[in-house]
Amino acid sequence: VQLQASGGGLVQAGGSLRLSCAASGRTFSSYDMGWFRQAPGKEREFVAASSWSGGSTSYADSVKGRFTISRDNAKNTVYLQMNSLKPDDTAVYYCAASTVWGLPTLPAHFGSWGQGTLVTVSS
């Protein structure tokens, strides 16, 4: 599956952004989907994941209660709604697809990655 992330930009602290990740191919609904982020000088870290149906989700503690992952399998798209953004959320955000069972959260469990979209939160 090929992935294309979009929706990043510059926002003030406390603001909101919605990222989108469009997937090509007919088997999107068979993948668990995840969002990761990588800040300058830091390792890529897990943000959120959704099961193939959207019925199960998982979040990093740092974003729990502020970010929401959702998906529309009819549109082959996964979203990340980000509210109450903080400067520490500044990073390149990547969407990824996994066929590993059980709502994976490790980068190594995701075999397909989008190109990344930059989110900058100003204080």
C-alpha atoms as a PDB file:
ATOM      1  CA  VAL A   1       0.000   0.000   0.000  1.00  0.00           C
ATOM      2  CA  GLN A   2       1.210   3.516  -0.797  1.00  0.00           C
ATOM      3  CA  LEU A   3       0.511   6.318   1.639  1.00  0.00           C
ATOM      4  CA  GLN A   4       0.328  10.102   1.224  1.00  0.00           C
ATOM      5  CA  ALA A   5       0.134  12.269   4.336  1.00  0.00           C
ATOM      6  CA  SER A   6      -1.095  15.866   4.303  1.00  0.00           C
ATOM      7  CA  GLY A   7      -2.504  18.564   6.538  1.00  0.00           C
ATOM      8  CA  GLY A   8       0.547  19.756   8.393  1.00  0.00           C
ATOM      9  CA  GLY A   9       1.325  23.405   8.948  1.00  0.00           C
ATOM     10  CA  LEU A  10       2.063  26.154  11.422  1.00  0.00           C
ATOM     11  CA  VAL A  11      -0.323  26.639  14.340  1.00  0.00           C
ATOM     12  CA  GLN A  12      -0.219  28.489  17.621  1.00  0.00           C
ATOM     13  CA  ALA A  13      -0.178  26.637  20.906  1.00  0.00           C
ATOM     14  CA  GLY A  14      -3.689  25.627  21.882  1.00  0.00           C
ATOM     15  CA  GLY A  15      -4.776  25.353  18.280  1.00  0.00           C
ATOM     16  CA  SER A  16      -5.887  22.385  16.223  1.00  0.00           C
ATOM     17  CA  LEU A  17      -4.906  20.588  13.027  1.00  0.00           C
ATOM     18  CA  ARG A  18      -6.247  17.551  11.225  1.00  0.00           C
ATOM     19  CA  LEU A  19      -3.823  15.333   9.374  1.00  0.00           C
ATOM     20  CA  SER A  20      -4.963  13.041   6.602  1.00  0.00           C
ATOM     21  CA  CYS A  21      -3.318  10.005   5.105  1.00  0.00           C
ATOM     22  CA  ALA A  22      -4.647   8.720   1.811  1.00  0.00           C
ATOM     23  CA  ALA A  23      -3.849   5.155   0.807  1.00  0.00           C
ATOM     24  CA  SER A  24      -3.763   3.593  -2.612  1.00  0.00           C
ATOM     25  CA  GLY A  25      -4.895   0.064  -3.288  1.00  0.00           C
ATOM     26  CA  ARG A  26      -7.988  -1.971  -2.621  1.00  0.00           C
ATOM     27  CA  THR A  27      -6.860  -3.585   0.623  1.00  0.00           C
ATOM     28  CA  PHE A  28      -6.712  -0.533   2.888  1.00  0.00           C
ATOM     29  CA  SER A  29      -9.325  -1.990   5.213  1.00  0.00           C
ATOM     30  CA  SER A  30      -7.092  -4.963   5.944  1.00  0.00           C
ATOM     31  CA  TYR A  31      -4.383  -2.811   7.530  1.00  0.00           C
ATOM     32  CA  ASP A  32      -4.014  -1.473  11.016  1.00  0.00           C
ATOM     33  CA  MET A  33      -2.938   2.135  10.652  1.00  0.00           C
ATOM     34  CA  GLY A  34      -0.676   4.262  12.773  1.00  0.00           C
ATOM     35  CA  TRP A  35       0.684   7.754  13.165  1.00  0.00           C
ATOM     36  CA  PHE A  36       4.225   8.416  14.312  1.00  0.00           C
ATOM     37  CA  ARG A  37       6.231  11.584  14.698  1.00  0.00           C
ATOM     38  CA  GLN A  38       9.856  12.567  14.695  1.00  0.00           C
ATOM     39  CA  ALA A  39      11.163  15.800  16.150  1.00  0.00           C
ATOM     40  CA  PRO A  40      14.604  17.176  15.211  1.00  0.00           C
ATOM     41  CA  GLY A  41      17.343  15.211  16.926  1.00  0.00           C
ATOM     42  CA  LYS A  42      14.926  12.657  18.360  1.00  0.00           C
ATOM     43  CA  GLU A  43      13.867   9.152  17.468  1.00  0.00           C
ATOM     44  CA  ARG A  44      10.617   8.398  15.734  1.00  0.00           C
ATOM     45  CA  GLU A  45       7.902   7.837  18.311  1.00  0.00           C
ATOM     46  CA  PHE A  46       4.461   6.298  18.317  1.00  0.00           C
ATOM     47  CA  VAL A  47       1.495   8.668  18.424  1.00  0.00           C
ATOM     48  CA  ALA A  48      -1.676   6.696  17.695  1.00  0.00           C
ATOM     49  CA  ALA A  49      -2.962   3.547  16.023  1.00  0.00           C
ATOM     50  CA  SER A  50      -6.260   2.257  14.726  1.00  0.00           C
ATOM     51  CA  SER A  51      -7.338  -1.294  14.053  1.00  0.00           C
ATOM     52  CA  TRP A  52      -8.499  -2.190  10.554  1.00  0.00           C
ATOM     53  CA  SER A  53     -12.115  -1.445  11.460  1.00  0.00           C
ATOM     54  CA  GLY A  54     -11.468   1.595  13.611  1.00  0.00           C
ATOM     55  CA  GLY A  55     -13.046  -0.236  16.499  1.00  0.00           C
ATOM     56  CA  SER A  56      -9.857  -0.295  18.544  1.00  0.00           C
ATOM     57  CA  THR A  57      -7.446   2.570  19.014  1.00  0.00           C
ATOM     58  CA  SER A  58      -4.283   3.217  20.979  1.00  0.00           C
ATOM     59  CA  TYR A  59      -2.527   6.437  21.947  1.00  0.00           C
ATOM     60  CA  ALA A  60       0.767   7.557  23.378  1.00  0.00           C
ATOM     61  CA  ASP A  61       0.348   8.962  26.872  1.00  0.00           C
ATOM     62  CA  SER A  62       1.647  12.320  25.678  1.00  0.00           C
ATOM     63  CA  VAL A  63      -1.290  12.818  23.302  1.00  0.00           C
ATOM     64  CA  LYS A  64      -4.072  10.938  25.056  1.00  0.00           C
ATOM     65  CA  GLY A  65      -7.143  13.142  25.441  1.00  0.00           C
ATOM     66  CA  ARG A  66      -5.891  15.638  22.846  1.00  0.00           C
ATOM     67  CA  PHE A  67      -5.468  13.600  19.663  1.00  0.00           C
ATOM     68  CA  THR A  68      -7.985  11.328  17.954  1.00  0.00           C
ATOM     69  CA  ILE A  69      -7.268   8.796  15.237  1.00  0.00           C
ATOM     70  CA  SER A  70     -10.070   7.785  12.910  1.00  0.00           C
ATOM     71  CA  ARG A  71     -10.437   6.174   9.517  1.00  0.00           C
ATOM     72  CA  ASP A  72     -12.825   6.023   6.617  1.00  0.00           C
ATOM     73  CA  ASN A  73     -12.294   2.758   4.795  1.00  0.00           C
ATOM     74  CA  ALA A  74     -14.622   3.801   1.992  1.00  0.00           C
ATOM     75  CA  LYS A  75     -12.248   6.694   1.270  1.00  0.00           C
ATOM     76  CA  ASN A  76      -9.034   4.768   2.004  1.00  0.00           C
ATOM     77  CA  THR A  77      -8.076   7.491   4.453  1.00  0.00           C
ATOM     78  CA  VAL A  78      -6.930   7.692   8.054  1.00  0.00           C
ATOM     79  CA  TYR A  79      -7.045  10.915  10.037  1.00  0.00           C
ATOM     80  CA  LEU A  80      -5.360  12.376  13.076  1.00  0.00           C
ATOM     81  CA  GLN A  81      -7.304  15.170  14.758  1.00  0.00           C
ATOM     82  CA  MET A  82      -4.944  17.142  16.968  1.00  0.00           C
ATOM     83  CA  ASN A  83      -6.362  19.535  19.535  1.00  0.00           C
ATOM     84  CA  SER A  84      -4.790  21.616  22.290  1.00  0.00           C
ATOM     85  CA  LEU A  85      -1.483  21.523  20.477  1.00  0.00           C
ATOM     86  CA  LYS A  86       1.705  22.250  22.377  1.00  0.00           C
ATOM     87  CA  PRO A  87       5.159  23.325  21.157  1.00  0.00           C
ATOM     88  CA  ASP A  88       6.386  19.837  22.128  1.00  0.00           C
ATOM     89  CA  ASP A  89       4.097  18.426  19.430  1.00  0.00           C
ATOM     90  CA  THR A  90       6.292  20.026  16.765  1.00  0.00           C
ATOM     91  CA  ALA A  91       7.565  17.238  14.515  1.00  0.00           C
ATOM     92  CA  VAL A  92       7.268  15.564  11.159  1.00  0.00           C
ATOM     93  CA  TYR A  93       4.253  13.281  11.338  1.00  0.00           C
ATOM     94  CA  TYR A  94       4.179  10.013   9.433  1.00  0.00           C
ATOM     95  CA  CYS A  95       1.344   7.638   8.729  1.00  0.00           C
ATOM     96  CA  ALA A  96       2.067   3.947   8.423  1.00  0.00           C
ATOM     97  CA  ALA A  97       0.312   0.690   7.636  1.00  0.00           C
ATOM     98  CA  SER A  98       0.735  -2.636   9.387  1.00  0.00           C
ATOM     99  CA  THR A  99      -0.407  -6.200   8.869  1.00  0.00           C
ATOM    100  CA  VAL A 100       0.801  -7.278  12.309  1.00  0.00           C
ATOM    101  CA  TRP A 101      -2.078  -8.543  14.402  1.00  0.00           C
ATOM    102  CA  GLY A 102      -2.966  -6.849  17.664  1.00  0.00           C
ATOM    103  CA  LEU A 103      -2.808  -3.072  17.121  1.00  0.00           C
ATOM    104  CA  PRO A 104       0.966  -2.639  16.911  1.00  0.00           C
ATOM    105  CA  THR A 105       2.737   0.437  18.201  1.00  0.00           C
ATOM    106  CA  LEU A 106       6.368  -0.232  17.255  1.00  0.00           C
ATOM    107  CA  PRO A 107       7.786   1.280  14.064  1.00  0.00           C
ATOM    108  CA  ALA A 108       9.267  -2.100  13.133  1.00  0.00           C
ATOM    109  CA  HIS A 109       5.743  -3.555  12.880  1.00  0.00           C
ATOM    110  CA  PHE A 110       4.736  -1.136  10.142  1.00  0.00           C
ATOM    111  CA  GLY A 111       5.814  -2.067   6.655  1.00  0.00           C
ATOM    112  CA  SER A 112       4.529   0.883   4.644  1.00  0.00           C
ATOM    113  CA  TRP A 113       5.173   4.545   5.395  1.00  0.00           C
ATOM    114  CA  GLY A 114       4.017   7.860   4.013  1.00  0.00           C
ATOM    115  CA  GLN A 115       6.403  10.693   3.262  1.00  0.00           C
ATOM    116  CA  GLY A 116       5.662  12.782   6.361  1.00  0.00           C
ATOM    117  CA  THR A 117       4.026  16.137   6.939  1.00  0.00           C
ATOM    118  CA  LEU A 118       5.512  18.867   9.120  1.00  0.00           C
ATOM    119  CA  VAL A 119       3.600  20.223  12.097  1.00  0.00           C
ATOM    120  CA  THR A 120       5.009  23.305  13.795  1.00  0.00           C
ATOM    121  CA  VAL A 121       3.430  24.621  16.983  1.00  0.00           C
ATOM    122  CA  SER A 122       4.503  28.084  18.051  1.00  0.00           C
ATOM    123  CA  SER A 123       4.402  29.270  21.642  1.00  0.00           C
END
